Amino acid sequence: MKSGAVIIPARYDSTRLPGKPLKQIVGKFMIQHVFEKCELAVGAKNVFVATDSELIFDEVERFGGQAVMTSPTALTGTDRIAEATELLDLDFAINVQGDEPMIRPNDVKQVYEQMEEKGDLVINCYCDIREEERQKASVPKVVVSQSGKLLYMSRGGVPFDKNGDMHAKYKQVCIYGFSKDHLRKFASRKGKSENEFYEDIEILRFLEMDIGVQML
């Protein structure tokens, strides 16, 4: 059976909200809430926090979690996951964002089981978009093929019609599954790809490298 883990990338020096993983929410730091949701999905021994911060590393160990130190120069969370996957010698990794304290354990479990079964995939998740989210640049919009392959993802309300009206139907859910080989290819590019840079959506790097993404 393939070896895998849920890895939670957690950076202290967030541009929009510095120290975000260590913000208190009802008596616990955000990173502990996320860890515990993932623990419910796959068990504590299969969950790691990947960080470049000793503060976050020490806090994870304090509440009984597992953490690995990664480079402060990682371009994105996925680059950090790629580094942690090598350090832990895993066949695949599930990426759950460190600022998703309300993530549903069963969704994480489904992606983990898909990667255990098939392994050589890039997986991302999506769901229906709410009306009030269509114009929010903070919500990546998803366009998929009939078989659920990712066609494009954008902060704009894609797809647009010829009059410029948006018809966004789906939004991204930040749970990902990556094989080690795909992560190596992703991290081998020493810079963001063009659309990844413009949209600030790292999953686009895979599409630009001709690597398909299966949406769940």
N, C-alpha and C. Protein backbone atom coordinates (compact mmCIF):
# COMPACT_ATOMS: atom_id res chain seq x y z
N MET A 1 0.84 -1.20 0.00
CA MET A 1 0.00 0.00 0.00
C MET A 1 0.88 1.25 0.00
N LYS A 2 0.45 2.28 -0.70
CA LYS A 2 1.22 3.51 -0.79
C LYS A 2 1.22 4.24 0.55
N SER A 3 2.35 4.84 0.88
CA SER A 3 2.45 5.60 2.13
C SER A 3 2.07 7.05 1.87
N GLY A 4 1.25 7.60 2.76
CA GLY A 4 0.82 8.97 2.59
C GLY A 4 0.52 9.63 3.92
N ALA A 5 0.26 10.92 3.87
CA ALA A 5 -0.08 11.68 5.07
C ALA A 5 -0.81 12.95 4.66
N VAL A 6 -1.55 13.50 5.61
CA VAL A 6 -2.09 14.84 5.46
C VAL A 6 -1.01 15.81 5.95
N ILE A 7 -0.67 16.77 5.11
CA ILE A 7 0.33 17.77 5.49
C ILE A 7 -0.33 19.15 5.44
N ILE A 8 -0.21 19.88 6.53
CA ILE A 8 -0.82 21.21 6.65
C ILE A 8 0.28 22.26 6.55
N PRO A 9 0.37 23.00 5.44
CA PRO A 9 1.38 24.05 5.35
C PRO A 9 0.98 25.24 6.21
N ALA A 10 1.91 25.72 7.03
CA ALA A 10 1.60 26.81 7.95
C ALA A 10 2.77 27.79 8.00
N ARG A 11 2.55 28.95 7.44
CA ARG A 11 3.59 29.99 7.39
C ARG A 11 3.22 31.09 8.37
N TYR A 12 4.18 31.53 9.17
CA TYR A 12 3.90 32.58 10.16
C TYR A 12 3.77 33.95 9.51
N ASP A 13 4.65 34.23 8.53
CA ASP A 13 4.72 35.57 7.94
C ASP A 13 3.74 35.72 6.78
N SER A 14 2.47 35.51 7.06
CA SER A 14 1.44 35.70 6.04
C SER A 14 1.36 37.18 5.66
N THR A 15 1.23 37.45 4.36
CA THR A 15 1.17 38.84 3.89
C THR A 15 -0.09 39.54 4.41
N ARG A 16 -1.23 38.85 4.32
CA ARG A 16 -2.50 39.48 4.68
C ARG A 16 -2.76 39.49 6.18
N LEU A 17 -2.27 38.45 6.89
CA LEU A 17 -2.52 38.37 8.33
C LEU A 17 -1.35 37.66 9.00
N PRO A 18 -0.31 38.40 9.35
CA PRO A 18 0.87 37.78 9.99
C PRO A 18 0.48 37.01 11.26
N GLY A 19 1.10 35.83 11.42
CA GLY A 19 0.82 35.01 12.60
C GLY A 19 -0.52 34.29 12.56
N LYS A 20 -1.12 34.19 11.37
CA LYS A 20 -2.47 33.63 11.25
C LYS A 20 -2.63 32.25 11.90
N PRO A 21 -1.69 31.30 11.72
CA PRO A 21 -1.90 29.98 12.33
C PRO A 21 -1.99 30.01 13.85
N LEU A 22 -1.46 31.08 14.46
CA LEU A 22 -1.47 31.17 15.93
C LEU A 22 -2.49 32.18 16.44
N LYS A 23 -3.51 32.45 15.63
CA LYS A 23 -4.63 33.26 16.10
C LYS A 23 -5.58 32.38 16.91
N GLN A 24 -6.07 32.92 18.01
CA GLN A 24 -6.95 32.17 18.90
C GLN A 24 -8.38 32.13 18.36
N ILE A 25 -8.97 30.94 18.36
CA ILE A 25 -10.39 30.76 18.03
C ILE A 25 -10.98 29.87 19.11
N VAL A 26 -11.91 30.41 19.89
CA VAL A 26 -12.56 29.70 21.00
C VAL A 26 -11.59 28.82 21.79
N GLY A 27 -10.52 29.44 22.27
CA GLY A 27 -9.63 28.79 23.22
C GLY A 27 -8.51 27.95 22.64
N LYS A 28 -8.42 27.85 21.30
CA LYS A 28 -7.34 27.10 20.67
C LYS A 28 -6.79 27.91 19.51
N PHE A 29 -5.50 27.68 19.22
CA PHE A 29 -4.94 28.32 18.03
C PHE A 29 -5.54 27.70 16.78
N MET A 30 -5.62 28.50 15.71
CA MET A 30 -6.21 28.03 14.45
C MET A 30 -5.57 26.73 13.97
N ILE A 31 -4.24 26.63 14.06
CA ILE A 31 -3.55 25.45 13.54
C ILE A 31 -3.96 24.19 14.30
N GLN A 32 -4.29 24.31 15.58
CA GLN A 32 -4.74 23.14 16.34
C GLN A 32 -6.12 22.69 15.87
N HIS A 33 -7.01 23.63 15.59
CA HIS A 33 -8.33 23.28 15.06
C HIS A 33 -8.19 22.49 13.75
N VAL A 34 -7.33 22.98 12.85
CA VAL A 34 -7.15 22.31 11.56
C VAL A 34 -6.55 20.91 11.77
N PHE A 35 -5.53 20.83 12.61
CA PHE A 35 -4.89 19.53 12.89
C PHE A 35 -5.92 18.54 13.42
N GLU A 36 -6.75 18.96 14.35
CA GLU A 36 -7.71 18.04 14.96
C GLU A 36 -8.78 17.57 13.98
N LYS A 37 -9.16 18.44 13.03
CA LYS A 37 -10.11 18.01 12.00
C LYS A 37 -9.46 16.95 11.11
N CYS A 38 -8.20 17.15 10.76
CA CYS A 38 -7.50 16.16 9.93
C CYS A 38 -7.26 14.87 10.70
N GLU A 39 -7.00 15.00 11.98
CA GLU A 39 -6.81 13.82 12.84
C GLU A 39 -8.08 12.96 12.85
N LEU A 40 -9.24 13.60 12.89
CA LEU A 40 -10.50 12.85 12.84
C LEU A 40 -10.64 12.10 11.51
N ALA A 41 -10.04 12.63 10.45
CA ALA A 41 -10.16 12.03 9.13
C ALA A 41 -9.25 10.82 8.95
N VAL A 42 -7.99 10.94 9.39
CA VAL A 42 -6.99 9.90 9.05
C VAL A 42 -6.16 9.42 10.23
N GLY A 43 -6.41 9.94 11.43
CA GLY A 43 -5.61 9.55 12.60
C GLY A 43 -4.41 10.45 12.78
N ALA A 44 -4.04 10.71 14.04
CA ALA A 44 -2.98 11.68 14.35
C ALA A 44 -1.63 11.29 13.77
N LYS A 45 -1.34 9.98 13.66
CA LYS A 45 -0.03 9.55 13.16
C LYS A 45 0.15 9.86 11.68
N ASN A 46 -0.94 10.17 10.99
CA ASN A 46 -0.89 10.47 9.56
C ASN A 46 -1.09 11.95 9.26
N VAL A 47 -0.87 12.81 10.26
CA VAL A 47 -1.04 14.25 10.06
C VAL A 47 0.23 14.97 10.51
N PHE A 48 0.71 15.89 9.66
CA PHE A 48 1.90 16.68 9.96
C PHE A 48 1.63 18.14 9.61
N VAL A 49 2.25 19.04 10.35
CA VAL A 49 2.27 20.45 9.99
C VAL A 49 3.65 20.75 9.40
N ALA A 50 3.67 21.37 8.22
CA ALA A 50 4.93 21.78 7.57
C ALA A 50 5.07 23.29 7.72
N THR A 51 6.11 23.71 8.41
CA THR A 51 6.24 25.14 8.71
C THR A 51 7.70 25.58 8.61
N ASP A 52 7.88 26.90 8.50
CA ASP A 52 9.22 27.48 8.56
C ASP A 52 9.39 28.29 9.85
N SER A 53 8.43 28.15 10.76
CA SER A 53 8.40 28.94 11.98
C SER A 53 8.62 28.07 13.22
N GLU A 54 9.61 28.43 14.03
CA GLU A 54 9.83 27.70 15.28
C GLU A 54 8.65 27.89 16.24
N LEU A 55 8.01 29.06 16.18
CA LEU A 55 6.84 29.30 17.04
C LEU A 55 5.72 28.31 16.73
N ILE A 56 5.45 28.12 15.43
CA ILE A 56 4.40 27.18 15.03
C ILE A 56 4.84 25.75 15.33
N PHE A 57 6.08 25.42 15.01
CA PHE A 57 6.61 24.07 15.28
C PHE A 57 6.45 23.73 16.76
N ASP A 58 6.86 24.63 17.65
CA ASP A 58 6.79 24.37 19.09
C ASP A 58 5.35 24.24 19.57
N GLU A 59 4.44 25.07 19.01
CA GLU A 59 3.04 24.99 19.42
C GLU A 59 2.41 23.66 19.00
N VAL A 60 2.73 23.19 17.80
CA VAL A 60 2.19 21.91 17.33
C VAL A 60 2.66 20.78 18.26
N GLU A 61 3.94 20.79 18.60
CA GLU A 61 4.45 19.76 19.50
C GLU A 61 3.82 19.89 20.89
N ARG A 62 3.54 21.13 21.32
CA ARG A 62 2.93 21.33 22.64
C ARG A 62 1.55 20.67 22.73
N PHE A 63 0.74 20.78 21.66
CA PHE A 63 -0.59 20.16 21.75
C PHE A 63 -0.59 18.70 21.31
N GLY A 64 0.62 18.14 21.06
CA GLY A 64 0.72 16.71 20.79
C GLY A 64 0.73 16.34 19.33
N GLY A 65 0.87 17.32 18.44
CA GLY A 65 0.90 17.03 17.02
C GLY A 65 2.31 16.81 16.51
N GLN A 66 2.42 16.51 15.22
CA GLN A 66 3.70 16.28 14.55
C GLN A 66 3.97 17.43 13.59
N ALA A 67 5.22 17.88 13.56
CA ALA A 67 5.58 18.99 12.67
C ALA A 67 6.93 18.72 12.03
N VAL A 68 7.13 19.29 10.85
CA VAL A 68 8.42 19.24 10.17
C VAL A 68 8.81 20.66 9.77
N MET A 69 10.10 20.96 9.90
CA MET A 69 10.60 22.27 9.51
C MET A 69 10.96 22.26 8.03
N THR A 70 10.50 23.27 7.33
CA THR A 70 10.77 23.40 5.90
C THR A 70 11.39 24.78 5.63
N SER A 71 11.80 24.97 4.41
CA SER A 71 12.56 26.17 4.05
C SER A 71 11.70 27.43 4.11
N PRO A 72 12.27 28.55 4.57
CA PRO A 72 11.53 29.82 4.55
C PRO A 72 11.40 30.40 3.15
N THR A 73 12.09 29.80 2.17
CA THR A 73 12.06 30.35 0.81
C THR A 73 11.05 29.65 -0.10
N ALA A 74 10.24 28.74 0.44
CA ALA A 74 9.24 28.04 -0.38
C ALA A 74 8.32 29.05 -1.05
N LEU A 75 8.14 28.91 -2.37
CA LEU A 75 7.33 29.86 -3.13
C LEU A 75 5.86 29.84 -2.72
N THR A 76 5.33 28.63 -2.50
CA THR A 76 3.90 28.45 -2.23
C THR A 76 3.72 27.34 -1.20
N GLY A 77 2.48 27.17 -0.75
CA GLY A 77 2.17 26.05 0.13
C GLY A 77 2.46 24.71 -0.52
N THR A 78 2.22 24.60 -1.83
CA THR A 78 2.47 23.33 -2.52
C THR A 78 3.97 23.04 -2.60
N ASP A 79 4.79 24.08 -2.79
CA ASP A 79 6.24 23.87 -2.75
C ASP A 79 6.66 23.39 -1.36
N ARG A 80 6.04 23.91 -0.33
CA ARG A 80 6.33 23.47 1.04
C ARG A 80 5.91 22.01 1.24
N ILE A 81 4.76 21.63 0.68
CA ILE A 81 4.29 20.25 0.74
C ILE A 81 5.28 19.33 0.02
N ALA A 82 5.79 19.77 -1.13
CA ALA A 82 6.75 18.97 -1.88
C ALA A 82 8.00 18.70 -1.05
N GLU A 83 8.48 19.72 -0.36
CA GLU A 83 9.66 19.55 0.49
C GLU A 83 9.38 18.60 1.64
N ALA A 84 8.23 18.76 2.28
CA ALA A 84 7.88 17.90 3.42
C ALA A 84 7.68 16.45 2.99
N THR A 85 7.14 16.24 1.80
CA THR A 85 6.93 14.89 1.28
C THR A 85 8.25 14.16 1.11
N GLU A 86 9.27 14.89 0.65
CA GLU A 86 10.60 14.29 0.53
C GLU A 86 11.19 13.99 1.91
N LEU A 87 11.05 14.93 2.84
CA LEU A 87 11.60 14.73 4.18
C LEU A 87 10.97 13.53 4.88
N LEU A 88 9.67 13.31 4.64
CA LEU A 88 8.94 12.22 5.29
C LEU A 88 8.94 10.94 4.46
N ASP A 89 9.51 10.99 3.25
CA ASP A 89 9.60 9.83 2.35
C ASP A 89 8.23 9.21 2.10
N LEU A 90 7.30 10.04 1.61
CA LEU A 90 5.93 9.60 1.35
C LEU A 90 5.71 9.36 -0.14
N ASP A 91 4.74 8.49 -0.46
CA ASP A 91 4.34 8.30 -1.85
C ASP A 91 3.34 9.36 -2.31
N PHE A 92 2.55 9.87 -1.37
CA PHE A 92 1.58 10.92 -1.71
C PHE A 92 1.32 11.78 -0.48
N ALA A 93 0.78 12.96 -0.75
CA ALA A 93 0.44 13.89 0.33
C ALA A 93 -0.92 14.50 0.07
N ILE A 94 -1.67 14.71 1.14
CA ILE A 94 -2.91 15.48 1.10
C ILE A 94 -2.62 16.83 1.71
N ASN A 95 -2.88 17.87 0.97
CA ASN A 95 -2.65 19.23 1.43
C ASN A 95 -3.96 19.82 1.93
N VAL A 96 -4.00 20.16 3.22
CA VAL A 96 -5.14 20.88 3.80
C VAL A 96 -4.60 22.22 4.30
N GLN A 97 -5.17 23.31 3.85
CA GLN A 97 -4.67 24.63 4.18
C GLN A 97 -4.75 24.88 5.70
N GLY A 98 -3.75 25.60 6.21
CA GLY A 98 -3.67 25.85 7.65
C GLY A 98 -4.67 26.87 8.16
N ASP A 99 -5.45 27.49 7.26
CA ASP A 99 -6.46 28.46 7.70
C ASP A 99 -7.87 27.97 7.39
N GLU A 100 -8.07 26.64 7.51
CA GLU A 100 -9.39 26.05 7.25
C GLU A 100 -9.89 25.31 8.50
N PRO A 101 -10.16 26.04 9.59
CA PRO A 101 -10.57 25.37 10.83
C PRO A 101 -11.94 24.70 10.75
N MET A 102 -12.74 25.03 9.72
CA MET A 102 -14.07 24.43 9.58
C MET A 102 -14.09 23.32 8.53
N ILE A 103 -12.90 22.86 8.12
CA ILE A 103 -12.84 21.80 7.10
C ILE A 103 -13.58 20.56 7.60
N ARG A 104 -14.23 19.83 6.69
CA ARG A 104 -14.99 18.64 7.08
C ARG A 104 -14.11 17.40 7.00
N PRO A 105 -13.93 16.69 8.12
CA PRO A 105 -13.05 15.51 8.11
C PRO A 105 -13.39 14.49 7.04
N ASN A 106 -14.67 14.29 6.74
CA ASN A 106 -15.04 13.29 5.75
C ASN A 106 -14.55 13.66 4.35
N ASP A 107 -14.49 14.96 4.05
CA ASP A 107 -13.97 15.39 2.75
C ASP A 107 -12.48 15.07 2.65
N VAL A 108 -11.75 15.31 3.73
CA VAL A 108 -10.32 15.00 3.75
C VAL A 108 -10.12 13.49 3.60
N LYS A 109 -10.94 12.72 4.29
CA LYS A 109 -10.84 11.25 4.24
C LYS A 109 -11.08 10.74 2.83
N GLN A 110 -12.05 11.32 2.11
CA GLN A 110 -12.35 10.88 0.74
C GLN A 110 -11.14 11.08 -0.18
N VAL A 111 -10.49 12.23 -0.07
CA VAL A 111 -9.32 12.49 -0.92
C VAL A 111 -8.19 11.54 -0.54
N TYR A 112 -7.99 11.31 0.75
CA TYR A 112 -6.94 10.39 1.21
C TYR A 112 -7.17 8.99 0.64
N GLU A 113 -8.41 8.52 0.69
CA GLU A 113 -8.72 7.18 0.19
C GLU A 113 -8.52 7.09 -1.32
N GLN A 114 -8.86 8.16 -2.04
CA GLN A 114 -8.64 8.18 -3.50
C GLN A 114 -7.15 8.05 -3.81
N MET A 115 -6.32 8.77 -3.06
CA MET A 115 -4.88 8.73 -3.30
C MET A 115 -4.30 7.38 -2.88
N GLU A 116 -4.80 6.80 -1.83
CA GLU A 116 -4.35 5.46 -1.42
C GLU A 116 -4.65 4.43 -2.50
N GLU A 117 -5.82 4.57 -3.12
CA GLU A 117 -6.27 3.59 -4.11
C GLU A 117 -5.57 3.77 -5.45
N LYS A 118 -5.45 5.05 -5.91
CA LYS A 118 -4.97 5.30 -7.27
C LYS A 118 -3.57 5.91 -7.29
N GLY A 119 -3.29 6.76 -6.35
CA GLY A 119 -1.92 7.24 -6.12
C GLY A 119 -1.37 8.23 -7.11
N ASP A 120 -1.32 7.93 -8.39
CA ASP A 120 -0.62 8.77 -9.35
C ASP A 120 -1.54 9.84 -9.93
N LEU A 121 -1.98 10.75 -9.06
CA LEU A 121 -2.96 11.75 -9.45
C LEU A 121 -2.60 13.10 -8.85
N VAL A 122 -3.19 14.13 -9.44
CA VAL A 122 -3.32 15.42 -8.77
C VAL A 122 -4.82 15.64 -8.60
N ILE A 123 -5.23 15.83 -7.36
CA ILE A 123 -6.65 15.99 -7.03
C ILE A 123 -6.87 17.33 -6.36
N ASN A 124 -7.96 17.99 -6.69
CA ASN A 124 -8.42 19.18 -5.97
C ASN A 124 -9.94 19.05 -5.82
N CYS A 125 -10.51 19.82 -4.91
CA CYS A 125 -11.95 19.70 -4.62
C CYS A 125 -12.69 20.98 -4.99
N TYR A 126 -13.98 20.82 -5.22
CA TYR A 126 -14.82 21.97 -5.56
C TYR A 126 -16.25 21.73 -5.11
N CYS A 127 -17.03 22.80 -5.08
CA CYS A 127 -18.44 22.70 -4.70
C CYS A 127 -19.20 23.84 -5.39
N ASP A 128 -20.51 23.85 -5.24
CA ASP A 128 -21.32 24.92 -5.81
C ASP A 128 -20.93 26.26 -5.18
N ILE A 129 -21.02 27.29 -5.98
CA ILE A 129 -20.69 28.63 -5.50
C ILE A 129 -21.97 29.35 -5.08
N ARG A 130 -21.88 30.16 -4.04
CA ARG A 130 -23.02 30.97 -3.62
C ARG A 130 -23.06 32.26 -4.43
N GLU A 131 -24.24 32.81 -4.59
CA GLU A 131 -24.41 34.00 -5.42
C GLU A 131 -23.50 35.14 -4.97
N GLU A 132 -23.40 35.34 -3.65
CA GLU A 132 -22.62 36.47 -3.14
C GLU A 132 -21.11 36.26 -3.30
N GLU A 133 -20.67 35.04 -3.67
CA GLU A 133 -19.25 34.77 -3.84
C GLU A 133 -18.76 34.99 -5.27
N ARG A 134 -19.69 35.14 -6.21
CA ARG A 134 -19.29 35.18 -7.61
C ARG A 134 -18.39 36.35 -7.95
N GLN A 135 -18.55 37.47 -7.26
CA GLN A 135 -17.74 38.65 -7.58
C GLN A 135 -16.58 38.84 -6.62
N LYS A 136 -16.37 37.89 -5.72
CA LYS A 136 -15.28 38.02 -4.75
C LYS A 136 -13.98 37.44 -5.33
N ALA A 137 -12.96 38.29 -5.44
CA ALA A 137 -11.67 37.82 -5.96
C ALA A 137 -11.00 36.84 -5.00
N SER A 138 -11.41 36.83 -3.75
CA SER A 138 -10.83 35.91 -2.77
C SER A 138 -11.33 34.47 -2.95
N VAL A 139 -12.34 34.27 -3.82
CA VAL A 139 -12.92 32.94 -4.04
C VAL A 139 -12.54 32.46 -5.44
N PRO A 140 -11.62 31.49 -5.57
CA PRO A 140 -11.28 30.96 -6.90
C PRO A 140 -12.46 30.20 -7.52
N LYS A 141 -12.77 30.54 -8.78
CA LYS A 141 -13.87 29.91 -9.50
C LYS A 141 -13.32 28.76 -10.35
N VAL A 142 -14.11 27.70 -10.48
CA VAL A 142 -13.65 26.46 -11.10
C VAL A 142 -14.48 26.15 -12.35
N VAL A 143 -13.80 25.79 -13.44
CA VAL A 143 -14.46 25.31 -14.65
C VAL A 143 -13.96 23.89 -14.91
N VAL A 144 -14.90 22.94 -15.06
CA VAL A 144 -14.52 21.53 -15.21
C VAL A 144 -15.09 20.94 -16.50
N SER A 145 -14.47 19.84 -16.93
CA SER A 145 -14.96 19.08 -18.08
C SER A 145 -16.06 18.13 -17.64
N GLN A 146 -16.64 17.40 -18.60
CA GLN A 146 -17.70 16.43 -18.28
C GLN A 146 -17.23 15.38 -17.30
N SER A 147 -15.96 15.00 -17.38
CA SER A 147 -15.45 13.95 -16.49
C SER A 147 -14.84 14.51 -15.21
N GLY A 148 -15.00 15.82 -14.98
CA GLY A 148 -14.51 16.41 -13.74
C GLY A 148 -13.06 16.83 -13.78
N LYS A 149 -12.46 16.91 -14.98
CA LYS A 149 -11.09 17.41 -15.08
C LYS A 149 -11.12 18.95 -15.02
N LEU A 150 -10.11 19.51 -14.38
CA LEU A 150 -10.02 20.96 -14.30
C LEU A 150 -9.66 21.55 -15.66
N LEU A 151 -10.50 22.47 -16.15
CA LEU A 151 -10.20 23.20 -17.38
C LEU A 151 -9.51 24.52 -17.07
N TYR A 152 -9.99 25.22 -16.06
CA TYR A 152 -9.34 26.46 -15.62
C TYR A 152 -9.88 26.85 -14.26
N MET A 153 -9.10 27.67 -13.56
CA MET A 153 -9.50 28.23 -12.28
C MET A 153 -9.09 29.69 -12.27
N SER A 154 -9.97 30.55 -11.77
CA SER A 154 -9.71 31.99 -11.85
C SER A 154 -10.36 32.72 -10.68
N ARG A 155 -9.79 33.88 -10.37
CA ARG A 155 -10.42 34.75 -9.38
C ARG A 155 -11.54 35.59 -10.02
N GLY A 156 -11.57 35.61 -11.35
CA GLY A 156 -12.69 36.21 -12.07
C GLY A 156 -13.85 35.22 -12.13
N GLY A 157 -15.03 35.70 -12.52
CA GLY A 157 -16.24 34.88 -12.47
C GLY A 157 -16.42 33.97 -13.68
N VAL A 158 -15.39 33.22 -14.04
CA VAL A 158 -15.44 32.36 -15.23
C VAL A 158 -16.46 31.24 -15.07
N PRO A 159 -17.10 30.85 -16.20
CA PRO A 159 -16.94 31.40 -17.55
C PRO A 159 -17.75 32.68 -17.74
N PHE A 160 -17.26 33.55 -18.65
CA PHE A 160 -17.97 34.76 -19.05
C PHE A 160 -18.61 34.52 -20.41
N ASP A 161 -19.75 35.16 -20.67
CA ASP A 161 -20.30 35.11 -22.02
C ASP A 161 -19.75 36.28 -22.83
N LYS A 162 -20.16 36.38 -24.10
CA LYS A 162 -19.56 37.39 -24.99
C LYS A 162 -19.96 38.82 -24.62
N ASN A 163 -20.98 38.96 -23.74
CA ASN A 163 -21.36 40.28 -23.25
C ASN A 163 -20.61 40.66 -21.98
N GLY A 164 -19.77 39.75 -21.52
CA GLY A 164 -19.00 40.03 -20.31
C GLY A 164 -19.70 39.65 -19.02
N ASP A 165 -20.84 38.97 -19.13
CA ASP A 165 -21.56 38.54 -17.92
C ASP A 165 -20.95 37.24 -17.39
N MET A 166 -20.82 37.14 -16.06
CA MET A 166 -20.20 35.96 -15.46
C MET A 166 -21.24 34.87 -15.23
N HIS A 167 -20.78 33.62 -15.37
CA HIS A 167 -21.66 32.45 -15.17
C HIS A 167 -20.95 31.40 -14.31
N ALA A 168 -20.25 31.87 -13.29
CA ALA A 168 -19.54 30.96 -12.40
C ALA A 168 -20.53 30.03 -11.70
N LYS A 169 -20.22 28.73 -11.72
CA LYS A 169 -21.07 27.72 -11.07
C LYS A 169 -20.41 27.08 -9.85
N TYR A 170 -19.07 27.02 -9.88
CA TYR A 170 -18.36 26.27 -8.86
C TYR A 170 -17.22 27.08 -8.26
N LYS A 171 -16.84 26.72 -7.04
CA LYS A 171 -15.69 27.33 -6.39
C LYS A 171 -14.76 26.24 -5.85
N GLN A 172 -13.51 26.63 -5.64
CA GLN A 172 -12.51 25.70 -5.13
C GLN A 172 -12.71 25.44 -3.64
N VAL A 173 -12.48 24.20 -3.25
CA VAL A 173 -12.35 23.82 -1.84
C VAL A 173 -10.90 23.40 -1.63
N CYS A 174 -10.25 23.97 -0.62
CA CYS A 174 -8.78 23.83 -0.51
C CYS A 174 -8.34 22.53 0.16
N ILE A 175 -8.68 21.42 -0.49
CA ILE A 175 -8.11 20.11 -0.16
C ILE A 175 -7.51 19.58 -1.46
N TYR A 176 -6.25 19.10 -1.37
CA TYR A 176 -5.54 18.64 -2.55
C TYR A 176 -4.92 17.27 -2.28
N GLY A 177 -4.74 16.49 -3.33
CA GLY A 177 -3.97 15.26 -3.26
C GLY A 177 -2.90 15.28 -4.32
N PHE A 178 -1.66 14.95 -3.94
CA PHE A 178 -0.52 14.99 -4.86
C PHE A 178 0.31 13.72 -4.73
N SER A 179 0.70 13.13 -5.84
CA SER A 179 1.71 12.07 -5.78
C SER A 179 3.08 12.71 -5.62
N LYS A 180 4.04 11.94 -5.11
CA LYS A 180 5.40 12.45 -4.94
C LYS A 180 5.98 12.89 -6.29
N ASP A 181 5.75 12.09 -7.34
CA ASP A 181 6.31 12.44 -8.65
C ASP A 181 5.77 13.77 -9.16
N HIS A 182 4.47 13.99 -8.98
CA HIS A 182 3.89 15.26 -9.42
C HIS A 182 4.42 16.43 -8.60
N LEU A 183 4.62 16.22 -7.31
CA LEU A 183 5.19 17.29 -6.48
C LEU A 183 6.61 17.62 -6.90
N ARG A 184 7.37 16.59 -7.27
CA ARG A 184 8.74 16.83 -7.72
C ARG A 184 8.75 17.68 -8.99
N LYS A 185 7.83 17.37 -9.92
CA LYS A 185 7.74 18.15 -11.15
C LYS A 185 7.33 19.59 -10.84
N PHE A 186 6.36 19.75 -9.95
CA PHE A 186 5.88 21.08 -9.56
C PHE A 186 7.03 21.91 -8.99
N ALA A 187 7.79 21.31 -8.06
CA ALA A 187 8.85 22.04 -7.37
C ALA A 187 10.09 22.23 -8.23
N SER A 188 10.19 21.47 -9.33
CA SER A 188 11.37 21.60 -10.20
C SER A 188 11.38 22.92 -10.95
N ARG A 189 10.22 23.56 -11.06
CA ARG A 189 10.15 24.87 -11.70
C ARG A 189 10.56 25.93 -10.69
N LYS A 190 11.62 26.63 -10.94
CA LYS A 190 12.14 27.58 -9.97
C LYS A 190 11.51 28.96 -10.14
N GLY A 191 10.23 28.99 -10.08
CA GLY A 191 9.48 30.23 -10.22
C GLY A 191 8.05 29.89 -10.57
N LYS A 192 7.14 30.80 -10.29
CA LYS A 192 5.73 30.57 -10.59
C LYS A 192 5.50 30.60 -12.10
N SER A 193 4.54 29.80 -12.57
CA SER A 193 4.16 29.86 -13.98
C SER A 193 3.34 31.13 -14.21
N GLU A 194 3.13 31.46 -15.47
CA GLU A 194 2.54 32.77 -15.81
C GLU A 194 1.14 32.95 -15.23
N ASN A 195 0.23 32.00 -15.53
CA ASN A 195 -1.14 32.15 -15.03
C ASN A 195 -1.21 31.98 -13.52
N GLU A 196 -0.37 31.10 -12.98
CA GLU A 196 -0.28 30.96 -11.52
C GLU A 196 0.06 32.31 -10.88
N PHE A 197 1.02 33.01 -11.48
CA PHE A 197 1.44 34.31 -10.95
C PHE A 197 0.31 35.34 -11.04
N TYR A 198 -0.33 35.44 -12.22
CA TYR A 198 -1.38 36.44 -12.40
C TYR A 198 -2.58 36.18 -11.49
N GLU A 199 -3.01 34.92 -11.43
CA GLU A 199 -4.21 34.58 -10.66
C GLU A 199 -3.92 34.37 -9.17
N ASP A 200 -2.66 34.14 -8.83
CA ASP A 200 -2.26 33.75 -7.47
C ASP A 200 -3.02 32.48 -7.05
N ILE A 201 -3.02 31.49 -7.97
CA ILE A 201 -3.64 30.19 -7.73
C ILE A 201 -2.63 29.13 -8.14
N GLU A 202 -2.04 28.45 -7.16
CA GLU A 202 -0.89 27.59 -7.47
C GLU A 202 -1.25 26.32 -8.23
N ILE A 203 -2.50 25.84 -8.15
CA ILE A 203 -2.88 24.62 -8.88
C ILE A 203 -2.73 24.83 -10.39
N LEU A 204 -2.75 26.09 -10.84
CA LEU A 204 -2.60 26.38 -12.27
C LEU A 204 -1.22 26.00 -12.79
N ARG A 205 -0.22 25.91 -11.91
CA ARG A 205 1.11 25.51 -12.36
C ARG A 205 1.07 24.11 -12.97
N PHE A 206 0.26 23.23 -12.38
CA PHE A 206 0.13 21.89 -12.95
C PHE A 206 -0.45 21.94 -14.36
N LEU A 207 -1.53 22.70 -14.56
CA LEU A 207 -2.13 22.80 -15.89
C LEU A 207 -1.12 23.36 -16.90
N GLU A 208 -0.35 24.34 -16.48
CA GLU A 208 0.61 24.95 -17.40
C GLU A 208 1.79 24.04 -17.70
N MET A 209 1.97 23.00 -16.87
CA MET A 209 3.01 22.00 -17.14
C MET A 209 2.41 20.76 -17.80
N ASP A 210 1.17 20.89 -18.30
CA ASP A 210 0.48 19.79 -18.98
C ASP A 210 0.22 18.59 -18.07
N ILE A 211 -0.03 18.85 -16.79
CA ILE A 211 -0.39 17.82 -15.83
C ILE A 211 -1.86 18.00 -15.48
N GLY A 212 -2.67 16.97 -15.75
CA GLY A 212 -4.10 17.06 -15.51
C GLY A 212 -4.43 17.09 -14.03
N VAL A 213 -5.53 17.77 -13.70
CA VAL A 213 -6.00 17.85 -12.31
C VAL A 213 -7.43 17.29 -12.25
N GLN A 214 -7.62 16.25 -11.45
CA GLN A 214 -8.95 15.66 -11.27
C GLN A 214 -9.66 16.38 -10.14
N MET A 215 -10.83 16.94 -10.43
CA MET A 215 -11.62 17.64 -9.43
C MET A 215 -12.64 16.69 -8.80
N LEU A 216 -12.79 16.79 -7.48
CA LEU A 216 -13.77 15.96 -6.76
C LEU A 216 -14.81 16.86 -6.14
